Amino acid sequence: MQKTKKSIAKRFKFTGSGKLVRRSPGMRHLLSRKTRKQKRRLGQAKLVSETHADSFRKSMPFGG
């Protein structure tokens, strides 16, 4: 059994159907030069691509 990678557990979570969700980067600083549209879209969570999701899922608590 593999230990949970805490860095991954803090950044990702599961949806009800078992897919991985992540936050968008780029909302920490330099916001005055980003458009409203950019900031609005960066605020929304995004799904992790399935190519990366498999390796992340193994590192999550209880193996996903």
Protein backbone atom coordinates (compact mmCIF):
# COMPACT_ATOMS: atom_id res chain seq x y z
CA MET A 1 0.00 0.00 0.00
CA GLN A 2 1.35 3.41 -1.00
CA LYS A 3 1.27 6.39 1.33
CA THR A 4 -0.82 9.42 0.41
CA LYS A 5 1.19 12.15 -1.28
CA LYS A 6 0.03 15.15 0.75
CA SER A 7 1.02 17.69 -1.91
CA ILE A 8 -1.38 16.00 -4.35
CA ALA A 9 -4.12 15.47 -1.76
CA LYS A 10 -4.16 19.21 -0.99
CA ARG A 11 -4.41 20.28 -4.64
CA PHE A 12 -6.95 17.86 -6.08
CA LYS A 13 -10.32 16.44 -5.08
CA PHE A 14 -12.76 13.94 -6.50
CA THR A 15 -16.10 14.72 -8.11
CA GLY A 16 -19.13 12.57 -7.36
CA SER A 17 -18.45 10.48 -10.45
CA GLY A 18 -14.81 9.91 -9.46
CA LYS A 19 -13.06 12.39 -11.75
CA LEU A 20 -10.27 14.62 -10.44
CA VAL A 21 -10.77 18.39 -10.18
CA ARG A 22 -8.04 21.04 -9.91
CA ARG A 23 -7.90 24.79 -9.39
CA SER A 24 -6.54 27.05 -12.13
CA PRO A 25 -3.17 28.72 -11.58
CA GLY A 26 -2.71 32.45 -12.08
CA MET A 27 -5.06 34.00 -9.52
CA ARG A 28 -2.49 35.01 -6.90
CA HIS A 29 -0.96 38.22 -8.23
CA LEU A 30 -0.73 40.54 -11.25
CA LEU A 31 -4.53 40.55 -11.41
CA SER A 32 -4.81 44.18 -12.51
CA ARG A 33 -3.48 43.38 -15.97
CA LYS A 34 -5.77 40.39 -16.49
CA THR A 35 -9.17 40.95 -18.06
CA ARG A 36 -12.43 40.28 -16.21
CA LYS A 37 -13.05 37.37 -18.54
CA GLN A 38 -9.66 35.80 -17.73
CA LYS A 39 -10.19 36.15 -13.98
CA ARG A 40 -13.71 34.75 -14.19
CA ARG A 41 -12.50 31.67 -16.05
CA LEU A 42 -9.50 31.18 -13.78
CA GLY A 43 -11.85 31.10 -10.80
CA GLN A 44 -13.59 27.99 -12.08
CA ALA A 45 -12.32 24.50 -11.26
CA LYS A 46 -11.14 22.32 -14.14
CA LEU A 47 -10.99 18.59 -14.68
CA VAL A 48 -7.60 16.89 -14.70
CA SER A 49 -6.84 15.23 -18.04
CA GLU A 50 -7.17 11.46 -17.96
CA THR A 51 -3.52 10.99 -18.93
CA HIS A 52 -2.40 12.62 -15.65
CA ALA A 53 -5.37 11.52 -13.56
CA ASP A 54 -4.29 7.86 -13.31
CA SER A 55 -0.97 8.62 -11.64
CA PHE A 56 -2.54 11.25 -9.33
CA ARG A 57 -5.34 8.86 -8.35
CA LYS A 58 -2.80 6.35 -7.01
CA SER A 59 -1.27 9.04 -4.80
CA MET A 60 -4.61 10.15 -3.33
CA PRO A 61 -6.00 8.88 -0.03
CA PHE A 62 -7.51 5.39 -0.30
CA GLY A 63 -6.29 5.15 -3.90
CA GLY A 64 -9.29 6.95 -5.37
